[in-house]
Amino acid sequence: MKELVEVIAKALVNNPDEVVVIETEENGETRLDLTVDPSDMGKVIGKQGRIAKAIRTVLKVAASKENKRVTLDIN
């Protein structure tokens, strides 16, 4: 899951070297924290959060295939 979020985020931003994804496991749920350069934050979130919602949807579909629960936080 971590690699999926990294690939998507790096494709969206101008500074792909600044993309960091931290994966933690809590109570059987995987939590991903995505950090990008402040100048690229708008590109990852999108207008009215559409891009962020799309990333979460893709992540949820990939997680459901593996019978996992995943949440994504964008910092």
PDB file of N, CA and C in Angstrom:
ATOM      1  N   MET A   1       0.803  -1.191   0.000  1.00  0.00           N
ATOM      2  CA  MET A   1       0.000   0.000   0.000  1.00  0.00           C
ATOM      3  C   MET A   1       0.852   1.264   0.000  1.00  0.00           C
ATOM      4  N   LYS A   2       1.932   1.213   0.752  1.00  0.00           N
ATOM      5  CA  LYS A   2       2.822   2.367   0.846  1.00  0.00           C
ATOM      6  C   LYS A   2       3.370   2.742  -0.531  1.00  0.00           C
ATOM      7  N   GLU A   3       3.769   1.736  -1.293  1.00  0.00           N
ATOM      8  CA  GLU A   3       4.346   1.986  -2.620  1.00  0.00           C
ATOM      9  C   GLU A   3       3.310   2.587  -3.562  1.00  0.00           C
ATOM     10  N   LEU A   4       2.064   2.132  -3.452  1.00  0.00           N
ATOM     11  CA  LEU A   4       0.990   2.655  -4.291  1.00  0.00           C
ATOM     12  C   LEU A   4       0.790   4.149  -4.061  1.00  0.00           C
ATOM     13  N   VAL A   5       0.744   4.558  -2.811  1.00  0.00           N
ATOM     14  CA  VAL A   5       0.558   5.975  -2.479  1.00  0.00           C
ATOM     15  C   VAL A   5       1.763   6.790  -2.945  1.00  0.00           C
ATOM     16  N   GLU A   6       2.971   6.249  -2.774  1.00  0.00           N
ATOM     17  CA  GLU A   6       4.178   6.961  -3.218  1.00  0.00           C
ATOM     18  C   GLU A   6       4.149   7.202  -4.719  1.00  0.00           C
ATOM     19  N   VAL A   7       3.808   6.184  -5.492  1.00  0.00           N
ATOM     20  CA  VAL A   7       3.787   6.311  -6.955  1.00  0.00           C
ATOM     21  C   VAL A   7       2.767   7.355  -7.395  1.00  0.00           C
ATOM     22  N   ILE A   8       1.578   7.306  -6.813  1.00  0.00           N
ATOM     23  CA  ILE A   8       0.533   8.268  -7.184  1.00  0.00           C
ATOM     24  C   ILE A   8       0.952   9.686  -6.816  1.00  0.00           C
ATOM     25  N   ALA A   9       1.450   9.869  -5.595  1.00  0.00           N
ATOM     26  CA  ALA A   9       1.830  11.209  -5.136  1.00  0.00           C
ATOM     27  C   ALA A   9       2.991  11.773  -5.948  1.00  0.00           C
ATOM     28  N   LYS A  10       3.997  10.945  -6.241  1.00  0.00           N
ATOM     29  CA  LYS A  10       5.146  11.432  -7.011  1.00  0.00           C
ATOM     30  C   LYS A  10       4.759  11.827  -8.420  1.00  0.00           C
ATOM     31  N   ALA A  11       3.728  11.197  -8.972  1.00  0.00           N
ATOM     32  CA  ALA A  11       3.260  11.554 -10.311  1.00  0.00           C
ATOM     33  C   ALA A  11       2.533  12.898 -10.317  1.00  0.00           C
ATOM     34  N   LEU A  12       2.008  13.320  -9.177  1.00  0.00           N
ATOM     35  CA  LEU A  12       1.226  14.550  -9.105  1.00  0.00           C
ATOM     36  C   LEU A  12       2.044  15.800  -8.809  1.00  0.00           C
ATOM     37  N   VAL A  13       3.135  15.661  -8.061  1.00  0.00           N
ATOM     38  CA  VAL A  13       3.840  16.830  -7.529  1.00  0.00           C
ATOM     39  C   VAL A  13       5.008  17.276  -8.402  1.00  0.00           C
ATOM     40  N   ASN A  14       5.474  18.515  -8.146  1.00  0.00           N
ATOM     41  CA  ASN A  14       6.649  19.044  -8.842  1.00  0.00           C
ATOM     42  C   ASN A  14       7.947  18.604  -8.187  1.00  0.00           C
ATOM     43  N   ASN A  15       7.906  18.308  -6.894  1.00  0.00           N
ATOM     44  CA  ASN A  15       9.090  17.889  -6.139  1.00  0.00           C
ATOM     45  C   ASN A  15       8.920  16.454  -5.644  1.00  0.00           C
ATOM     46  N   PRO A  16       9.092  15.463  -6.520  1.00  0.00           N
ATOM     47  CA  PRO A  16       8.855  14.071  -6.102  1.00  0.00           C
ATOM     48  C   PRO A  16       9.829  13.581  -5.037  1.00  0.00           C
ATOM     49  N   ASP A  17      10.989  14.233  -4.901  1.00  0.00           N
ATOM     50  CA  ASP A  17      11.950  13.813  -3.883  1.00  0.00           C
ATOM     51  C   ASP A  17      11.467  14.151  -2.477  1.00  0.00           C
ATOM     52  N   GLU A  18      10.510  15.070  -2.355  1.00  0.00           N
ATOM     53  CA  GLU A  18       9.998  15.498  -1.049  1.00  0.00           C
ATOM     54  C   GLU A  18       8.823  14.643  -0.563  1.00  0.00           C
ATOM     55  N   VAL A  19       8.385  13.672  -1.376  1.00  0.00           N
ATOM     56  CA  VAL A  19       7.258  12.822  -0.994  1.00  0.00           C
ATOM     57  C   VAL A  19       7.736  11.769  -0.001  1.00  0.00           C
ATOM     58  N   VAL A  20       7.074  11.716   1.158  1.00  0.00           N
ATOM     59  CA  VAL A  20       7.413  10.737   2.197  1.00  0.00           C
ATOM     60  C   VAL A  20       6.122  10.068   2.650  1.00  0.00           C
ATOM     61  N   VAL A  21       6.130   8.731   2.673  1.00  0.00           N
ATOM     62  CA  VAL A  21       4.979   7.979   3.168  1.00  0.00           C
ATOM     63  C   VAL A  21       5.454   7.117   4.333  1.00  0.00           C
ATOM     64  N   ILE A  22       4.792   7.283   5.478  1.00  0.00           N
ATOM     65  CA  ILE A  22       5.124   6.506   6.676  1.00  0.00           C
ATOM     66  C   ILE A  22       3.956   5.567   6.956  1.00  0.00           C
ATOM     67  N   GLU A  23       4.282   4.286   7.100  1.00  0.00           N
ATOM     68  CA  GLU A  23       3.258   3.263   7.318  1.00  0.00           C
ATOM     69  C   GLU A  23       3.328   2.754   8.757  1.00  0.00           C
ATOM     70  N   THR A  24       2.183   2.770   9.448  1.00  0.00           N
ATOM     71  CA  THR A  24       2.112   2.238  10.812  1.00  0.00           C
ATOM     72  C   THR A  24       0.912   1.309  10.925  1.00  0.00           C
ATOM     73  N   GLU A  25       1.035   0.302  11.778  1.00  0.00           N
ATOM     74  CA  GLU A  25      -0.043  -0.665  12.015  1.00  0.00           C
ATOM     75  C   GLU A  25      -0.603  -0.455  13.419  1.00  0.00           C
ATOM     76  N   GLU A  26      -1.917  -0.333  13.525  1.00  0.00           N
ATOM     77  CA  GLU A  26      -2.584  -0.184  14.817  1.00  0.00           C
ATOM     78  C   GLU A  26      -3.886  -0.973  14.810  1.00  0.00           C
ATOM     79  N   ASN A  27      -4.042  -1.871  15.752  1.00  0.00           N
ATOM     80  CA  ASN A  27      -5.292  -2.621  15.922  1.00  0.00           C
ATOM     81  C   ASN A  27      -5.775  -3.271  14.624  1.00  0.00           C
ATOM     82  N   GLY A  28      -4.864  -3.830  13.861  1.00  0.00           N
ATOM     83  CA  GLY A  28      -5.230  -4.489  12.613  1.00  0.00           C
ATOM     84  C   GLY A  28      -5.538  -3.541  11.465  1.00  0.00           C
ATOM     85  N   GLU A  29      -5.291  -2.264  11.656  1.00  0.00           N
ATOM     86  CA  GLU A  29      -5.540  -1.265  10.615  1.00  0.00           C
ATOM     87  C   GLU A  29      -4.222  -0.605  10.235  1.00  0.00           C
ATOM     88  N   THR A  30      -4.011  -0.436   8.952  1.00  0.00           N
ATOM     89  CA  THR A  30      -2.806   0.207   8.461  1.00  0.00           C
ATOM     90  C   THR A  30      -3.085   1.693   8.281  1.00  0.00           C
ATOM     91  N   ARG A  31      -2.188   2.519   8.800  1.00  0.00           N
ATOM     92  CA  ARG A  31      -2.316   3.969   8.662  1.00  0.00           C
ATOM     93  C   ARG A  31      -1.146   4.471   7.838  1.00  0.00           C
ATOM     94  N   LEU A  32      -1.440   5.242   6.799  1.00  0.00           N
ATOM     95  CA  LEU A  32      -0.411   5.837   5.951  1.00  0.00           C
ATOM     96  C   LEU A  32      -0.433   7.348   6.129  1.00  0.00           C
ATOM     97  N   ASP A  33       0.728   7.916   6.428  1.00  0.00           N
ATOM     98  CA  ASP A  33       0.875   9.361   6.549  1.00  0.00           C
ATOM     99  C   ASP A  33       1.669   9.864   5.356  1.00  0.00           C
ATOM    100  N   LEU A  34       1.038  10.677   4.527  1.00  0.00           N
ATOM    101  CA  LEU A  34       1.666  11.227   3.333  1.00  0.00           C
ATOM    102  C   LEU A  34       2.105  12.652   3.612  1.00  0.00           C
ATOM    103  N   THR A  35       3.380  12.926   3.390  1.00  0.00           N
ATOM    104  CA  THR A  35       3.926  14.269   3.563  1.00  0.00           C
ATOM    105  C   THR A  35       4.533  14.711   2.240  1.00  0.00           C
ATOM    106  N   VAL A  36       4.171  15.915   1.801  1.00  0.00           N
ATOM    107  CA  VAL A  36       4.704  16.474   0.562  1.00  0.00           C
ATOM    108  C   VAL A  36       5.220  17.880   0.838  1.00  0.00           C
ATOM    109  N   ASP A  37       5.937  18.435  -0.123  1.00  0.00           N
ATOM    110  CA  ASP A  37       6.417  19.813  -0.027  1.00  0.00           C
ATOM    111  C   ASP A  37       5.203  20.742   0.091  1.00  0.00           C
ATOM    112  N   PRO A  38       5.275  21.757   0.937  1.00  0.00           N
ATOM    113  CA  PRO A  38       4.125  22.667   1.100  1.00  0.00           C
ATOM    114  C   PRO A  38       3.636  23.292  -0.211  1.00  0.00           C
ATOM    115  N   SER A  39       4.532  23.518  -1.157  1.00  0.00           N
ATOM    116  CA  SER A  39       4.111  24.106  -2.434  1.00  0.00           C
ATOM    117  C   SER A  39       3.318  23.115  -3.286  1.00  0.00           C
ATOM    118  N   ASP A  40       3.420  21.829  -2.997  1.00  0.00           N
ATOM    119  CA  ASP A  40       2.709  20.798  -3.755  1.00  0.00           C
ATOM    120  C   ASP A  40       1.431  20.323  -3.070  1.00  0.00           C
ATOM    121  N   MET A  41       1.126  20.871  -1.914  1.00  0.00           N
ATOM    122  CA  MET A  41      -0.023  20.400  -1.147  1.00  0.00           C
ATOM    123  C   MET A  41      -1.323  20.519  -1.941  1.00  0.00           C
ATOM    124  N   GLY A  42      -1.494  21.606  -2.649  1.00  0.00           N
ATOM    125  CA  GLY A  42      -2.712  21.810  -3.433  1.00  0.00           C
ATOM    126  C   GLY A  42      -2.880  20.797  -4.541  1.00  0.00           C
ATOM    127  N   LYS A  43      -1.787  20.340  -5.104  1.00  0.00           N
ATOM    128  CA  LYS A  43      -1.856  19.352  -6.179  1.00  0.00           C
ATOM    129  C   LYS A  43      -2.272  17.980  -5.657  1.00  0.00           C
ATOM    130  N   VAL A  44      -1.898  17.680  -4.435  1.00  0.00           N
ATOM    131  CA  VAL A  44      -2.259  16.385  -3.850  1.00  0.00           C
ATOM    132  C   VAL A  44      -3.700  16.400  -3.343  1.00  0.00           C
ATOM    133  N   ILE A  45      -4.141  17.548  -2.835  1.00  0.00           N
ATOM    134  CA  ILE A  45      -5.509  17.636  -2.310  1.00  0.00           C
ATOM    135  C   ILE A  45      -6.514  17.885  -3.435  1.00  0.00           C
ATOM    136  N   GLY A  46      -6.197  18.773  -4.349  1.00  0.00           N
ATOM    137  CA  GLY A  46      -7.092  19.061  -5.464  1.00  0.00           C
ATOM    138  C   GLY A  46      -8.216  20.003  -5.062  1.00  0.00           C
ATOM    139  N   LYS A  47      -8.974  20.441  -6.064  1.00  0.00           N
ATOM    140  CA  LYS A  47     -10.097  21.341  -5.799  1.00  0.00           C
ATOM    141  C   LYS A  47     -11.160  20.597  -5.024  1.00  0.00           C
ATOM    142  N   GLN A  48     -11.554  21.171  -3.901  1.00  0.00           N
ATOM    143  CA  GLN A  48     -12.561  20.611  -3.001  1.00  0.00           C
ATOM    144  C   GLN A  48     -12.207  19.189  -2.561  1.00  0.00           C
ATOM    145  N   GLY A  49     -10.908  18.863  -2.553  1.00  0.00           N
ATOM    146  CA  GLY A  49     -10.460  17.569  -2.060  1.00  0.00           C
ATOM    147  C   GLY A  49     -10.685  16.402  -2.995  1.00  0.00           C
ATOM    148  N   ARG A  50     -10.910  16.686  -4.266  1.00  0.00           N
ATOM    149  CA  ARG A  50     -11.225  15.612  -5.219  1.00  0.00           C
ATOM    150  C   ARG A  50     -10.061  14.657  -5.445  1.00  0.00           C
ATOM    151  N   ILE A  51      -8.853  15.172  -5.554  1.00  0.00           N
ATOM    152  CA  ILE A  51      -7.693  14.310  -5.787  1.00  0.00           C
ATOM    153  C   ILE A  51      -7.442  13.438  -4.558  1.00  0.00           C
ATOM    154  N   ALA A  52      -7.500  14.028  -3.377  1.00  0.00           N
ATOM    155  CA  ALA A  52      -7.300  13.267  -2.139  1.00  0.00           C
ATOM    156  C   ALA A  52      -8.354  12.169  -2.010  1.00  0.00           C
ATOM    157  N   LYS A  53      -9.579  12.492  -2.339  1.00  0.00           N
ATOM    158  CA  LYS A  53     -10.654  11.502  -2.272  1.00  0.00           C
ATOM    159  C   LYS A  53     -10.410  10.379  -3.276  1.00  0.00           C
ATOM    160  N   ALA A  54      -9.933  10.709  -4.460  1.00  0.00           N
ATOM    161  CA  ALA A  54      -9.651   9.684  -5.472  1.00  0.00           C
ATOM    162  C   ALA A  54      -8.507   8.769  -5.024  1.00  0.00           C
ATOM    163  N   ILE A  55      -7.475   9.346  -4.418  1.00  0.00           N
ATOM    164  CA  ILE A  55      -6.361   8.538  -3.912  1.00  0.00           C
ATOM    165  C   ILE A  55      -6.870   7.592  -2.830  1.00  0.00           C
ATOM    166  N   ARG A  56      -7.696   8.095  -1.941  1.00  0.00           N
ATOM    167  CA  ARG A  56      -8.250   7.243  -0.873  1.00  0.00           C
ATOM    168  C   ARG A  56      -9.126   6.135  -1.440  1.00  0.00           C
ATOM    169  N   THR A  57      -9.874   6.430  -2.511  1.00  0.00           N
ATOM    170  CA  THR A  57     -10.727   5.422  -3.137  1.00  0.00           C
ATOM    171  C   THR A  57      -9.891   4.310  -3.748  1.00  0.00           C
ATOM    172  N   VAL A  58      -8.843   4.668  -4.479  1.00  0.00           N
ATOM    173  CA  VAL A  58      -7.951   3.671  -5.077  1.00  0.00           C
ATOM    174  C   VAL A  58      -7.303   2.829  -3.980  1.00  0.00           C
ATOM    175  N   LEU A  59      -6.894   3.478  -2.913  1.00  0.00           N
ATOM    176  CA  LEU A  59      -6.269   2.780  -1.795  1.00  0.00           C
ATOM    177  C   LEU A  59      -7.247   1.821  -1.121  1.00  0.00           C
ATOM    178  N   LYS A  60      -8.487   2.253  -0.966  1.00  0.00           N
ATOM    179  CA  LYS A  60      -9.497   1.403  -0.344  1.00  0.00           C
ATOM    180  C   LYS A  60      -9.780   0.160  -1.193  1.00  0.00           C
ATOM    181  N   VAL A  61      -9.818   0.321  -2.512  1.00  0.00           N
ATOM    182  CA  VAL A  61     -10.049  -0.817  -3.398  1.00  0.00           C
ATOM    183  C   VAL A  61      -8.883  -1.800  -3.319  1.00  0.00           C
ATOM    184  N   ALA A  62      -7.664  -1.287  -3.344  1.00  0.00           N
ATOM    185  CA  ALA A  62      -6.489  -2.150  -3.250  1.00  0.00           C
ATOM    186  C   ALA A  62      -6.446  -2.875  -1.902  1.00  0.00           C
ATOM    187  N   ALA A  63      -6.841  -2.190  -0.845  1.00  0.00           N
ATOM    188  CA  ALA A  63      -6.838  -2.798   0.485  1.00  0.00           C
ATOM    189  C   ALA A  63      -7.925  -3.867   0.607  1.00  0.00           C
ATOM    190  N   SER A  64      -9.065  -3.628  -0.002  1.00  0.00           N
ATOM    191  CA  SER A  64     -10.151  -4.601   0.106  1.00  0.00           C
ATOM    192  C   SER A  64      -9.813  -5.907  -0.600  1.00  0.00           C
ATOM    193  N   LYS A  65      -8.998  -5.842  -1.627  1.00  0.00           N
ATOM    194  CA  LYS A  65      -8.560  -7.063  -2.310  1.00  0.00           C
ATOM    195  C   LYS A  65      -7.692  -7.923  -1.400  1.00  0.00           C
ATOM    196  N   GLU A  66      -7.018  -7.293  -0.451  1.00  0.00           N
ATOM    197  CA  GLU A  66      -6.156  -8.005   0.492  1.00  0.00           C
ATOM    198  C   GLU A  66      -6.817  -8.168   1.859  1.00  0.00           C
ATOM    199  N   ASN A  67      -8.117  -7.843   1.941  1.00  0.00           N
ATOM    200  CA  ASN A  67      -8.874  -7.924   3.197  1.00  0.00           C
ATOM    201  C   ASN A  67      -8.199  -7.145   4.322  1.00  0.00           C
ATOM    202  N   LYS A  68      -7.808  -5.904   4.026  1.00  0.00           N
ATOM    203  CA  LYS A  68      -7.173  -5.031   5.007  1.00  0.00           C
ATOM    204  C   LYS A  68      -7.957  -3.741   5.119  1.00  0.00           C
ATOM    205  N   ARG A  69      -7.714  -3.015   6.208  1.00  0.00           N
ATOM    206  CA  ARG A  69      -8.284  -1.684   6.397  1.00  0.00           C
ATOM    207  C   ARG A  69      -7.132  -0.691   6.360  1.00  0.00           C
ATOM    208  N   VAL A  70      -7.281   0.336   5.548  1.00  0.00           N
ATOM    209  CA  VAL A  70      -6.223   1.321   5.375  1.00  0.00           C
ATOM    210  C   VAL A  70      -6.823   2.722   5.449  1.00  0.00           C
ATOM    211  N   THR A  71      -6.128   3.616   6.168  1.00  0.00           N
ATOM    212  CA  THR A  71      -6.504   5.027   6.194  1.00  0.00           C
ATOM    213  C   THR A  71      -5.320   5.848   5.714  1.00  0.00           C
ATOM    214  N   LEU A  72      -5.610   6.971   5.081  1.00  0.00           N
ATOM    215  CA  LEU A  72      -4.584   7.852   4.549  1.00  0.00           C
ATOM    216  C   LEU A  72      -4.759   9.230   5.164  1.00  0.00           C
ATOM    217  N   ASP A  73      -3.683   9.730   5.763  1.00  0.00           N
ATOM    218  CA  ASP A  73      -3.637  11.089   6.295  1.00  0.00           C
ATOM    219  C   ASP A  73      -2.630  11.887   5.478  1.00  0.00           C
ATOM    220  N   ILE A  74      -3.037  13.062   5.047  1.00  0.00           N
ATOM    221  CA  ILE A  74      -2.158  13.922   4.256  1.00  0.00           C
ATOM    222  C   ILE A  74      -1.697  15.062   5.153  1.00  0.00           C
ATOM    223  N   ASN A  75      -0.375  15.169   5.345  1.00  0.00           N
ATOM    224  CA  ASN A  75       0.200  16.207   6.215  1.00  0.00           C
ATOM    225  C   ASN A  75       0.770  17.327   5.387  1.00  0.00           C
TER     226      ASN A  75
END
